[in-house]
Protein backbone atom coordinates (compact mmCIF):
# COMPACT_ATOMS: atom_id res chain seq x y z
CA UNK A 1 -6.36 13.48 44.67
CA UNK A 2 -2.72 15.44 44.12
CA UNK A 3 0.10 13.42 44.95
CA UNK A 4 3.33 15.16 46.15
CA UNK A 5 5.39 12.36 46.43
CA UNK A 6 4.52 10.86 42.89
CA UNK A 7 5.21 14.79 41.58
CA UNK A 8 8.70 14.38 43.08
CA UNK A 9 9.38 10.75 41.45
CA UNK A 10 8.42 11.83 38.58
CA UNK A 11 10.59 14.91 38.56
CA UNK A 12 13.62 12.78 39.71
CA UNK A 13 13.13 10.76 36.71
CA UNK A 14 12.31 12.96 33.92
CA UNK A 15 12.96 16.64 34.94
CA UNK A 16 16.40 16.57 33.71
CA UNK A 17 15.87 14.83 30.67
CA UNK A 18 15.55 15.14 27.08
CA UNK A 19 13.28 13.47 24.43
CA UNK A 20 16.15 10.70 23.94
CA UNK A 21 15.11 9.37 27.88
CA UNK A 22 13.07 6.75 27.51
CA UNK A 23 12.73 3.73 29.77
CA UNK A 24 9.70 1.55 28.59
CA UNK A 25 12.19 -1.27 26.58
CA UNK A 26 9.99 -1.14 23.60
CA UNK A 27 9.58 2.51 23.81
CA UNK A 28 13.41 2.87 24.23
CA UNK A 29 14.08 0.03 21.60
CA UNK A 30 12.35 2.29 19.16
CA UNK A 31 14.11 5.68 20.30
CA UNK A 32 17.77 4.48 19.91
CA UNK A 33 16.75 4.03 16.28
CA UNK A 34 15.83 7.32 15.86
CA UNK A 35 17.56 9.40 18.21
CA UNK A 36 21.78 10.53 18.04
CA UNK A 37 23.76 10.28 20.93
CA UNK A 38 23.33 13.38 21.83
CA UNK A 39 19.90 13.23 21.11
CA UNK A 40 19.02 14.90 18.09
CA UNK A 41 16.94 13.16 15.47
CA UNK A 42 17.04 14.12 11.48
CA UNK A 43 14.16 17.05 10.77
CA UNK A 44 11.42 15.27 9.17
CA UNK A 45 11.11 18.28 6.09
CA UNK A 46 15.03 18.07 5.51
CA UNK A 47 16.75 15.78 3.01
CA UNK A 48 15.27 13.99 -0.38
CA UNK A 49 11.69 13.09 -0.05
CA UNK A 50 11.51 9.14 -0.24
CA UNK A 51 9.24 6.87 0.28
CA UNK A 52 8.46 6.42 4.41
CA UNK A 53 12.16 7.92 4.20
CA UNK A 54 13.41 4.93 3.47
CA UNK A 55 16.96 4.93 1.82
CA UNK A 56 16.71 6.27 -1.76
CA UNK A 57 18.71 3.21 -3.85
CA UNK A 58 18.01 3.80 -7.51
CA UNK A 59 21.14 1.94 -8.46
CA UNK A 60 19.31 -1.33 -6.83
CA UNK A 61 17.61 -1.64 -9.79
CA UNK A 62 20.60 -2.21 -11.87
CA UNK A 63 21.98 -4.88 -9.40
CA UNK A 64 21.33 -8.80 -9.83
CA UNK A 65 20.68 -9.28 -6.26
CA UNK A 66 18.75 -5.64 -6.14
CA UNK A 67 21.75 -4.78 -3.12
CA UNK A 68 20.31 -7.35 -0.84
CA UNK A 69 16.76 -5.52 -0.48
CA UNK A 70 13.99 -7.89 0.84
CA UNK A 71 11.41 -5.26 -0.28
CA UNK A 72 11.44 -2.48 -2.48
CA UNK A 73 9.71 0.90 -2.39
CA UNK A 74 8.73 1.23 -6.33
CA UNK A 75 6.83 4.40 -7.61
CA UNK A 76 4.80 3.62 -11.20
CA UNK A 77 3.68 7.33 -12.47
CA UNK A 78 1.56 6.17 -15.08
CA UNK A 79 -2.11 7.00 -15.88
CA UNK A 80 -2.69 6.74 -19.75
CA UNK A 81 -5.29 3.92 -18.13
CA UNK A 82 -7.80 6.21 -16.63
CA UNK A 83 -11.44 6.27 -17.73
CA UNK A 84 -12.42 9.88 -15.76
CA UNK A 85 -9.58 12.34 -14.56
CA UNK A 86 -6.12 12.23 -14.91
CA UNK A 87 -3.24 13.07 -12.80
CA UNK A 88 -2.41 9.48 -10.67
CA UNK A 89 0.95 9.57 -12.65
CA UNK A 90 1.66 12.67 -9.80
CA UNK A 91 0.84 10.39 -7.72
CA UNK A 92 4.26 8.62 -6.35
CA UNK A 93 5.57 12.14 -6.54
CA UNK A 94 3.23 13.46 -3.83
CA UNK A 95 3.47 10.42 -1.49
CA UNK A 96 7.02 10.65 -1.31
CA UNK A 97 6.47 13.89 0.13
CA UNK A 98 5.01 13.31 3.15
CA UNK A 99 6.82 13.29 6.09
CA UNK A 100 6.03 11.61 9.78
CA UNK A 101 4.56 8.34 9.00
CA UNK A 102 6.31 5.93 11.08
CA UNK A 103 8.26 4.60 12.01
CA UNK A 104 6.94 2.98 14.63
CA UNK A 105 3.85 1.11 14.24
CA UNK A 106 1.99 1.26 17.62
CA UNK A 107 -0.80 -1.21 16.92
CA UNK A 108 1.48 -4.31 15.26
CA UNK A 109 4.33 -2.99 18.17
CA UNK A 110 7.17 -3.03 15.15
CA UNK A 111 9.49 -0.45 13.24
CA UNK A 112 9.05 -1.91 10.25
CA UNK A 113 12.02 -0.15 8.41
CA UNK A 114 14.78 -1.42 11.11
CA UNK A 115 13.33 -4.88 10.94
CA UNK A 116 13.80 -5.74 7.53
CA UNK A 117 16.45 -4.37 4.23
CA UNK A 118 13.81 -2.18 2.81
CA UNK A 119 14.82 1.01 0.54
CA UNK A 120 13.13 3.42 -2.27
CA UNK A 121 14.47 2.36 -5.32
CA UNK A 122 12.28 4.86 -7.59
CA UNK A 123 10.21 4.55 -10.33
CA UNK A 124 9.69 2.06 -13.55
CA UNK A 125 11.41 3.35 -16.37
CA UNK A 126 9.37 3.84 -18.77
CA UNK A 127 10.36 4.01 -23.02
CA UNK A 128 7.47 5.83 -23.61
CA UNK A 129 5.00 8.42 -21.97
CA UNK A 130 2.71 8.02 -24.54
CA UNK A 131 2.38 4.82 -25.49
CA UNK A 132 -0.36 2.93 -23.00
CA UNK A 133 0.69 -0.55 -24.60
CA UNK A 134 4.60 -0.34 -24.33
CA UNK A 135 3.96 0.94 -20.55
CA UNK A 136 2.64 -1.76 -19.69
CA UNK A 137 5.19 -3.96 -21.04
CA UNK A 138 7.91 -2.03 -18.72
CA UNK A 139 5.68 -2.60 -15.77
CA UNK A 140 5.95 -6.41 -16.54
CA UNK A 141 9.24 -7.50 -17.75
CA UNK A 142 10.07 -4.52 -14.67
CA UNK A 143 8.15 -6.76 -11.84
CA UNK A 144 8.80 -10.16 -13.34
CA UNK A 145 12.56 -9.58 -12.90
CA UNK A 146 12.10 -8.00 -9.43
CA UNK A 147 9.97 -10.98 -8.27
CA UNK A 148 11.93 -13.90 -9.76
CA UNK A 149 14.96 -12.01 -7.91
CA UNK A 150 13.11 -12.30 -4.52
CA UNK A 151 12.32 -9.05 -4.14
CA UNK A 152 8.83 -8.42 -2.46
CA UNK A 153 7.51 -5.24 -4.29
CA UNK A 154 5.72 -2.27 -2.57
CA UNK A 155 4.56 0.18 -5.42
CA UNK A 156 2.90 3.63 -5.45
CA UNK A 157 0.93 4.37 -8.70
CA UNK A 158 -0.54 5.79 -11.40
CA UNK A 159 -3.27 4.46 -11.95
CA UNK A 160 -4.81 0.93 -11.26
CA UNK A 161 -4.41 -0.55 -14.72
CA UNK A 162 -0.85 -0.58 -13.55
CA UNK A 163 -1.69 -3.53 -10.95
CA UNK A 164 -2.24 -6.16 -13.63
CA UNK A 165 1.20 -5.70 -15.22
CA UNK A 166 2.51 -5.97 -11.56
CA UNK A 167 0.41 -8.85 -11.18
CA UNK A 168 1.95 -10.64 -13.98
CA UNK A 169 5.60 -10.38 -12.40
CA UNK A 170 4.08 -11.27 -9.06
CA UNK A 171 2.47 -14.71 -10.45
CA UNK A 172 5.88 -15.34 -12.67
CA UNK A 173 7.49 -15.97 -9.04
CA UNK A 174 4.42 -17.26 -7.19
CA UNK A 175 1.86 -18.49 -9.37
CA UNK A 176 -1.76 -17.30 -8.95
CA UNK A 177 -2.04 -15.33 -5.73
CA UNK A 178 -4.85 -14.36 -3.48
CA UNK A 179 -5.99 -10.94 -3.36
CA UNK A 180 -7.43 -8.60 -0.62
CA UNK A 181 -8.54 -5.58 -2.70
CA UNK A 182 -9.82 -2.65 -1.25
CA UNK A 183 -11.83 -0.12 -3.99
CA UNK A 184 -14.79 1.81 -4.71
CA UNK A 185 -15.17 -0.52 -7.96
CA UNK A 186 -14.46 -4.04 -8.64
CA UNK A 187 -12.58 -3.26 -11.77
CA UNK A 188 -13.61 -6.27 -13.09
CA UNK A 189 -15.09 -5.05 -17.06
CA UNK A 190 -14.30 -5.97 -19.84
CA UNK A 191 -12.14 -3.96 -22.91
CA UNK A 192 -13.15 -0.21 -23.43
CA UNK A 193 -12.11 1.19 -26.94
CA UNK A 194 -10.59 -2.27 -27.46
CA UNK A 195 -7.50 -2.00 -24.74
CA UNK A 196 -7.44 -4.49 -21.95
CA UNK A 197 -5.13 -1.91 -20.61
CA UNK A 198 -7.43 0.22 -18.48
CA UNK A 199 -8.13 1.03 -14.96
CA UNK A 200 -11.95 -0.41 -15.33
CA UNK A 201 -10.92 -3.97 -15.97
CA UNK A 202 -7.28 -4.73 -14.23
CA UNK A 203 -8.75 -7.58 -12.13
CA UNK A 204 -10.48 -9.60 -14.98
CA UNK A 205 -7.65 -9.13 -17.22
CA UNK A 206 -5.25 -10.72 -14.15
CA UNK A 207 -7.85 -13.81 -13.51
CA UNK A 208 -7.44 -14.29 -17.48
CA UNK A 209 -3.74 -14.03 -17.15
CA UNK A 210 -3.67 -16.55 -14.22
CA UNK A 211 -2.12 -14.08 -12.12
CA UNK A 212 -4.69 -13.84 -9.14
CA UNK A 213 -7.30 -16.75 -7.67
CA UNK A 214 -10.70 -15.49 -8.30
CA UNK A 215 -11.76 -17.77 -5.26
CA UNK A 216 -9.49 -16.39 -2.88
CA UNK A 217 -9.94 -13.06 -3.86
CA UNK A 218 -11.96 -10.37 -1.75
CA UNK A 219 -12.87 -6.67 -2.84
CA UNK A 220 -14.11 -4.33 -0.19
CA UNK A 221 -15.48 -1.16 0.37
CA UNK A 222 -17.86 -0.90 -3.39
CA UNK A 223 -20.43 1.23 -4.38
CA UNK A 224 -21.40 3.18 -7.07
CA UNK A 225 -23.16 3.35 -9.93
CA UNK A 226 -21.30 0.80 -12.10
CA UNK A 227 -22.12 -2.08 -10.81
CA UNK A 228 -23.49 -3.10 -13.90
CA UNK A 229 -20.21 -3.85 -15.50
CA UNK A 230 -18.71 -5.82 -12.71
CA UNK A 231 -20.58 -9.34 -13.63
CA UNK A 232 -17.39 -11.35 -13.91
CA UNK A 233 -16.42 -10.58 -10.21
CA UNK A 234 -19.77 -12.98 -9.45
CA UNK A 235 -18.84 -15.29 -11.97
CA UNK A 236 -15.43 -15.68 -11.46
CA UNK A 237 -16.18 -16.49 -7.71
CA UNK A 238 -14.67 -13.51 -5.90
CA UNK A 239 -16.00 -11.47 -2.53
CA UNK A 240 -17.56 -8.63 -2.40
CA UNK A 241 -17.99 -6.43 0.38
CA UNK A 242 -20.17 -3.46 -0.44
CA UNK A 243 -19.61 0.05 1.44
CA UNK A 244 -23.22 -0.87 2.56
CA UNK A 245 -22.45 -3.98 4.19
CA UNK A 246 -18.94 -3.11 5.55
CA UNK A 247 -21.31 -0.82 8.04
CA UNK A 248 -23.14 -3.36 9.10
CA UNK A 249 -21.04 -5.84 9.17
CA UNK A 250 -17.83 -4.01 11.27
CA UNK A 251 -14.30 -4.21 10.79
CA UNK A 252 -13.85 -7.60 12.91
CA UNK A 253 -16.33 -9.08 10.62
CA UNK A 254 -14.57 -8.10 7.54
CA UNK A 255 -11.03 -8.87 8.58
CA UNK A 256 -12.53 -12.56 9.62
CA UNK A 257 -13.90 -12.55 6.31
CA UNK A 258 -10.76 -11.53 4.42
CA UNK A 259 -8.82 -14.19 6.13
CA UNK A 260 -11.32 -17.13 4.87
CA UNK A 261 -10.99 -16.34 1.48
CA UNK A 262 -7.45 -15.61 1.19
CA UNK A 263 -6.32 -18.92 3.18
CA UNK A 264 -2.45 -19.10 4.21
CA UNK A 265 -1.32 -18.73 0.31
CA UNK A 266 0.67 -15.86 -0.75
CA UNK A 267 -1.58 -12.86 -1.07
CA UNK A 268 -1.05 -9.27 -2.85
CA UNK A 269 -3.02 -6.69 -1.78
CA UNK A 270 -4.10 -3.52 -3.82
CA UNK A 271 -5.53 -0.45 -2.33
CA UNK A 272 -6.85 2.43 -4.71
CA UNK A 273 -7.89 5.54 -2.78
CA UNK A 274 -11.18 5.67 -4.01
CA UNK A 275 -12.28 3.07 -1.66
CA UNK A 276 -12.12 6.14 0.97
CA UNK A 277 -14.71 8.25 1.40
CA UNK A 278 -13.85 11.57 -0.94
CA UNK A 279 -13.79 13.22 2.67
CA UNK A 280 -10.67 11.69 3.49
CA UNK A 281 -9.36 11.05 -0.15
CA UNK A 282 -10.55 13.80 -2.72
CA UNK A 283 -7.78 13.52 -4.69
CA UNK A 284 -8.53 11.06 -7.07
CA UNK A 285 -9.83 10.62 -10.14
CA UNK A 286 -13.14 8.34 -9.78
CA UNK A 287 -14.17 9.46 -6.55
CA UNK A 288 -17.55 7.94 -5.05
CA UNK A 289 -19.62 9.11 -2.06
CA UNK A 290 -20.79 6.56 0.46
CA UNK A 291 -16.85 5.32 1.23
CA UNK A 292 -15.18 3.36 3.65
CA UNK A 293 -13.24 5.79 6.37
CA UNK A 294 -9.55 5.59 7.19
CA UNK A 295 -9.75 4.18 10.35
CA UNK A 296 -11.92 1.06 9.64
CA UNK A 297 -9.09 0.43 6.61
CA UNK A 298 -6.26 0.97 8.47
CA UNK A 299 -8.07 -1.54 11.17
CA UNK A 300 -9.05 -4.18 8.46
CA UNK A 301 -5.36 -3.97 7.41
CA UNK A 302 -3.66 -4.18 10.93
CA UNK A 303 -6.21 -7.20 10.79
CA UNK A 304 -4.76 -9.09 8.01
CA UNK A 305 -1.36 -9.42 10.49
CA UNK A 306 0.16 -13.04 9.94
CA UNK A 307 -0.85 -13.20 6.11
CA UNK A 308 1.64 -14.00 3.59
CA UNK A 309 1.56 -10.75 2.08
CA UNK A 310 4.06 -10.72 -1.29
CA UNK A 311 3.24 -8.05 -3.00
CA UNK A 312 1.24 -4.81 -2.70
CA UNK A 313 0.51 -1.68 -3.94
CA UNK A 314 -1.38 2.18 -3.11
CA UNK A 315 -2.75 3.30 -6.49
CA UNK A 316 -5.17 6.46 -7.61
CA UNK A 317 -3.87 9.20 -5.71
CA UNK A 318 -4.45 12.38 -7.90
CA UNK A 319 -2.62 15.57 -6.02
CA UNK A 320 -4.32 18.10 -8.14
CA UNK A 321 -7.73 17.43 -6.68
CA UNK A 322 -6.79 17.93 -3.50
CA UNK A 323 -5.23 21.25 -1.70
CA UNK A 324 -5.01 19.57 1.90
CA UNK A 325 -2.77 17.01 0.86
CA UNK A 326 -4.77 14.28 2.93
CA UNK A 327 -4.99 11.93 0.12
CA UNK A 328 -1.19 11.80 -0.15
CA UNK A 329 -1.13 11.53 3.84
CA UNK A 330 -3.86 8.72 3.74
CA UNK A 331 -1.98 6.95 1.19
CA UNK A 332 1.53 7.27 2.31
CA UNK A 333 -0.28 5.95 5.92
CA UNK A 334 -1.66 2.84 4.22
CA UNK A 335 1.52 2.00 2.33
CA UNK A 336 3.53 1.80 5.94
CA UNK A 337 0.57 -0.52 7.26
CA UNK A 338 1.00 -2.57 3.75
CA UNK A 339 4.81 -2.71 4.49
CA UNK A 340 4.46 -3.97 8.15
CA UNK A 341 2.35 -6.86 6.86
CA UNK A 342 5.24 -7.79 4.58
CA UNK A 343 7.63 -7.64 6.96
CA UNK A 344 5.72 -9.55 9.16
CA UNK A 345 5.51 -12.41 6.38
CA UNK A 346 9.22 -12.05 5.81
CA UNK A 347 9.89 -13.16 9.47
CA UNK A 348 7.52 -15.74 9.90
CA UNK A 349 8.85 -17.50 6.77
CA UNK A 350 12.01 -16.78 8.22
């Protein structure tokens, strides 16, 4: 039944206000960060594009303390390690162009960019665009310096081979870490054509390097015709959840399993966008049908809240295969969710 008194109350409270007039304490806290005194906020499509619209601080790379940052957002534009379609070198640029991700994470009730010192510090500087081996040397050196300085890295690739060298830098600070790995493929095959630097085997290399603990590793969304290449996952003690299992189990059971596997120690989150079904992320080098949904993956990431997430990446965005920009959009959202986990972990550590 229509309530005239309620309408009058709403008119009195909201009738002459603007977008910045918000009364709920939780929502007002976010609005006060976003709106100026005149009730204006910045246009999301204006200015220089950065990851999640974070401050752009390329100068931080040259500073011993990285300008006092807590978390560094980093591009790794290198795809010399692909086995199929190239193009992930353009992933960081594509993800930076996505606007309107955040600032508020409604499920976790947080504004990560306001709760930690976060900046986009630019891309890993490479000596050569042609040498796969030297690129990995550069990644290793870059992240070893960054992590030993106490900075938490959150990266956008690039092909998935970059993660093995990022993890060497992470392990220099933390020792072997746990891993939550979203992917269509286990990425634990052996060297191809004599090269260990390829995106089909970064996590075999990471185990053998002592960068990750396979007993504290879970791989989610696995499927496709390359299962025969991945016996190392099972032999080493990794937990593998196939996409078919994910449908049967449901997100709550996957979250519970992931938390049980990685436990309370430091954990790295690596997300290959081909974990998603190509309907959600067609812009990638090795798409596999029958994948996870974006809603499932976001729910699982949110379910990791409270874990000691000390690093993360989103990789394999190849934007030229996606005229819709959906792949970059979902990748930016995934970066945002991982950032929230990292900020929560920082706050928990004090």
